[in-house]
Amino acid sequence: QVRLVESGGGLVQPGGSLRLTCAASGRRVTIFVMDWYRQAPGKQRELVARLHPSGEKTYVESVEGRFTVSKDDAKNTIYLQMDNLKPEDTGVYFCNAVPHYEPWGPGTQVTVSS
């Protein structure tokens, strides 16, 4: 069974940075398409970044130029570098593969506030 564990979230001021980590165990996940999602309070989970095994990266428009997704094959880990954070980036961030593994990880809370 694949286990995904997100970490690295926290409270940060607008304009600040965080690096999220998605550590996978049970199966090598970096050979698959890997996604980062976020779920803001009262809203549905939304896809914010996608990393293809080829290295191709795609982002939702609202984070383009501020977020960078990457991976470490040796560590079976996916990262999300988030710079110039805005209050609207607040939410719980999750990672998952395509197709999704169940259950989802616990997520990591990101709060952007002054």
C-alpha atoms as a PDB file:
ATOM      1  CA  GLN A   1       0.000   0.000   0.000  1.00  0.00           C
ATOM      2  CA  VAL A   2       1.267   3.448  -0.913  1.00  0.00           C
ATOM      3  CA  ARG A   3       1.498   5.951   1.905  1.00  0.00           C
ATOM      4  CA  LEU A   4       1.804   9.671   1.207  1.00  0.00           C
ATOM      5  CA  VAL A   5       2.778  12.093   3.950  1.00  0.00           C
ATOM      6  CA  GLU A   6       2.844  15.830   3.416  1.00  0.00           C
ATOM      7  CA  SER A   7       4.859  18.206   5.585  1.00  0.00           C
ATOM      8  CA  GLY A   8       6.429  21.639   5.623  1.00  0.00           C
ATOM      9  CA  GLY A   9       3.392  23.810   6.103  1.00  0.00           C
ATOM     10  CA  GLY A  10       3.096  26.595   8.627  1.00  0.00           C
ATOM     11  CA  LEU A  11       2.173  30.185   9.267  1.00  0.00           C
ATOM     12  CA  VAL A  12       3.882  32.700   7.037  1.00  0.00           C
ATOM     13  CA  GLN A  13       3.433  36.372   6.276  1.00  0.00           C
ATOM     14  CA  PRO A  14       2.366  37.529   2.822  1.00  0.00           C
ATOM     15  CA  GLY A  15       5.377  37.551   0.544  1.00  0.00           C
ATOM     16  CA  GLY A  16       7.028  34.738   2.447  1.00  0.00           C
ATOM     17  CA  SER A  17       8.076  31.280   1.293  1.00  0.00           C
ATOM     18  CA  LEU A  18       7.534  27.679   2.278  1.00  0.00           C
ATOM     19  CA  ARG A  19       8.705  24.371   0.866  1.00  0.00           C
ATOM     20  CA  LEU A  20       6.288  21.487   1.128  1.00  0.00           C
ATOM     21  CA  THR A  21       7.415  17.888   1.058  1.00  0.00           C
ATOM     22  CA  CYS A  22       5.470  14.819  -0.045  1.00  0.00           C
ATOM     23  CA  ALA A  23       7.197  11.678   1.143  1.00  0.00           C
ATOM     24  CA  ALA A  24       5.999   8.424  -0.386  1.00  0.00           C
ATOM     25  CA  SER A  25       6.496   4.887   0.816  1.00  0.00           C
ATOM     26  CA  GLY A  26       5.310   1.513  -0.380  1.00  0.00           C
ATOM     27  CA  ARG A  27       5.881   2.175  -4.060  1.00  0.00           C
ATOM     28  CA  ARG A  28       8.046   4.368  -6.213  1.00  0.00           C
ATOM     29  CA  VAL A  29       5.785   7.297  -7.100  1.00  0.00           C
ATOM     30  CA  THR A  30       8.137   9.615  -8.944  1.00  0.00           C
ATOM     31  CA  ILE A  31       7.643   7.555 -12.115  1.00  0.00           C
ATOM     32  CA  PHE A  32       4.015   8.654 -12.195  1.00  0.00           C
ATOM     33  CA  VAL A  33       2.300  11.975 -12.739  1.00  0.00           C
ATOM     34  CA  MET A  34       2.245  13.616  -9.308  1.00  0.00           C
ATOM     35  CA  ASP A  35      -0.070  16.421  -8.272  1.00  0.00           C
ATOM     36  CA  TRP A  36      -0.231  18.985  -5.507  1.00  0.00           C
ATOM     37  CA  TYR A  37      -3.709  20.028  -4.416  1.00  0.00           C
ATOM     38  CA  ARG A  38      -4.948  22.536  -1.905  1.00  0.00           C
ATOM     39  CA  GLN A  39      -8.226  22.853  -0.090  1.00  0.00           C
ATOM     40  CA  ALA A  40      -9.169  26.248   1.248  1.00  0.00           C
ATOM     41  CA  PRO A  41     -11.693  26.531   4.078  1.00  0.00           C
ATOM     42  CA  GLY A  42     -15.187  25.901   2.757  1.00  0.00           C
ATOM     43  CA  LYS A  43     -13.968  25.153  -0.751  1.00  0.00           C
ATOM     44  CA  GLN A  44     -13.352  22.079  -2.844  1.00  0.00           C
ATOM     45  CA  ARG A  45      -9.916  20.635  -3.287  1.00  0.00           C
ATOM     46  CA  GLU A  46      -8.203  22.170  -6.328  1.00  0.00           C
ATOM     47  CA  LEU A  47      -5.222  21.073  -8.359  1.00  0.00           C
ATOM     48  CA  VAL A  48      -2.398  23.626  -8.176  1.00  0.00           C
ATOM     49  CA  ALA A  49       0.623  21.890  -9.680  1.00  0.00           C
ATOM     50  CA  ARG A  50       1.416  18.799 -11.718  1.00  0.00           C
ATOM     51  CA  LEU A  51       4.763  17.128 -12.323  1.00  0.00           C
ATOM     52  CA  HIS A  52       5.140  14.646 -15.147  1.00  0.00           C
ATOM     53  CA  PRO A  53       7.779  11.896 -15.033  1.00  0.00           C
ATOM     54  CA  SER A  54       9.423  13.626 -17.999  1.00  0.00           C
ATOM     55  CA  GLY A  55       9.975  16.692 -15.839  1.00  0.00           C
ATOM     56  CA  GLU A  56       7.246  18.733 -17.494  1.00  0.00           C
ATOM     57  CA  LYS A  57       5.490  20.976 -14.968  1.00  0.00           C
ATOM     58  CA  THR A  58       2.098  22.629 -15.132  1.00  0.00           C
ATOM     59  CA  TYR A  59       0.453  25.042 -12.723  1.00  0.00           C
ATOM     60  CA  VAL A  60      -2.888  26.632 -12.122  1.00  0.00           C
ATOM     61  CA  GLU A  61      -2.804  30.233 -13.284  1.00  0.00           C
ATOM     62  CA  SER A  62      -3.073  31.675  -9.783  1.00  0.00           C
ATOM     63  CA  VAL A  63       0.285  30.173  -8.717  1.00  0.00           C
ATOM     64  CA  GLU A  64       2.178  30.370 -12.020  1.00  0.00           C
ATOM     65  CA  GLY A  65       5.541  32.028 -11.491  1.00  0.00           C
ATOM     66  CA  ARG A  66       5.365  31.683  -7.705  1.00  0.00           C
ATOM     67  CA  PHE A  67       5.227  27.913  -7.117  1.00  0.00           C
ATOM     68  CA  THR A  68       7.714  25.322  -8.349  1.00  0.00           C
ATOM     69  CA  VAL A  69       7.149  21.581  -8.215  1.00  0.00           C
ATOM     70  CA  SER A  70      10.117  19.214  -8.211  1.00  0.00           C
ATOM     71  CA  LYS A  71      11.106  15.696  -7.225  1.00  0.00           C
ATOM     72  CA  ASP A  72      13.925  13.635  -5.821  1.00  0.00           C
ATOM     73  CA  ASP A  73      13.812  10.169  -7.346  1.00  0.00           C
ATOM     74  CA  ALA A  74      16.295   8.743  -4.868  1.00  0.00           C
ATOM     75  CA  LYS A  75      14.166   9.874  -1.936  1.00  0.00           C
ATOM     76  CA  ASN A  76      10.830   9.064  -3.629  1.00  0.00           C
ATOM     77  CA  THR A  77       9.761  12.566  -2.657  1.00  0.00           C
ATOM     78  CA  ILE A  78       7.925  15.423  -4.336  1.00  0.00           C
ATOM     79  CA  TYR A  79       8.393  19.058  -3.339  1.00  0.00           C
ATOM     80  CA  LEU A  80       6.427  22.250  -3.777  1.00  0.00           C
ATOM     81  CA  GLN A  81       8.423  25.439  -3.386  1.00  0.00           C
ATOM     82  CA  MET A  82       6.043  28.306  -2.729  1.00  0.00           C
ATOM     83  CA  ASP A  83       7.328  31.861  -2.985  1.00  0.00           C
ATOM     84  CA  ASN A  84       5.637  35.250  -2.708  1.00  0.00           C
ATOM     85  CA  LEU A  85       2.806  33.640  -0.820  1.00  0.00           C
ATOM     86  CA  LYS A  86      -0.555  35.388  -0.699  1.00  0.00           C
ATOM     87  CA  PRO A  87      -3.434  35.089   1.772  1.00  0.00           C
ATOM     88  CA  GLU A  88      -5.448  33.274  -0.889  1.00  0.00           C
ATOM     89  CA  ASP A  89      -2.848  30.490  -0.856  1.00  0.00           C
ATOM     90  CA  THR A  90      -4.090  29.506   2.599  1.00  0.00           C
ATOM     91  CA  GLY A  91      -5.361  25.960   2.822  1.00  0.00           C
ATOM     92  CA  VAL A  92      -4.454  22.358   3.423  1.00  0.00           C
ATOM     93  CA  TYR A  93      -2.065  21.033   0.797  1.00  0.00           C
ATOM     94  CA  PHE A  94      -2.108  17.428  -0.377  1.00  0.00           C
ATOM     95  CA  CYS A  95      -0.131  15.396  -2.885  1.00  0.00           C
ATOM     96  CA  ASN A  96      -1.298  12.417  -4.881  1.00  0.00           C
ATOM     97  CA  ALA A  97      -0.567  10.484  -8.028  1.00  0.00           C
ATOM     98  CA  VAL A  98      -2.588  10.068 -11.194  1.00  0.00           C
ATOM     99  CA  PRO A  99      -4.645   7.944 -10.773  1.00  0.00           C
ATOM    100  CA  HIS A 100      -5.122   8.740  -7.118  1.00  0.00           C
ATOM    101  CA  TYR A 101      -3.992   6.514  -4.314  1.00  0.00           C
ATOM    102  CA  GLU A 102      -6.334   5.894  -1.411  1.00  0.00           C
ATOM    103  CA  PRO A 103      -6.328   6.969   1.303  1.00  0.00           C
ATOM    104  CA  TRP A 104      -5.070  10.495   0.804  1.00  0.00           C
ATOM    105  CA  GLY A 105      -2.347  11.718   3.109  1.00  0.00           C
ATOM    106  CA  PRO A 106      -3.092  13.958   6.076  1.00  0.00           C
ATOM    107  CA  GLY A 107      -2.135  17.111   4.219  1.00  0.00           C
ATOM    108  CA  THR A 108      -0.161  20.018   5.602  1.00  0.00           C
ATOM    109  CA  GLN A 109      -1.710  23.320   6.663  1.00  0.00           C
ATOM    110  CA  VAL A 110      -0.463  26.511   5.044  1.00  0.00           C
ATOM    111  CA  THR A 111      -1.636  29.778   6.521  1.00  0.00           C
ATOM    112  CA  VAL A 112      -0.641  33.066   4.934  1.00  0.00           C
ATOM    113  CA  SER A 113      -1.501  35.947   7.187  1.00  0.00           C
ATOM    114  CA  SER A 114      -0.017  39.100   8.630  1.00  0.00           C
END
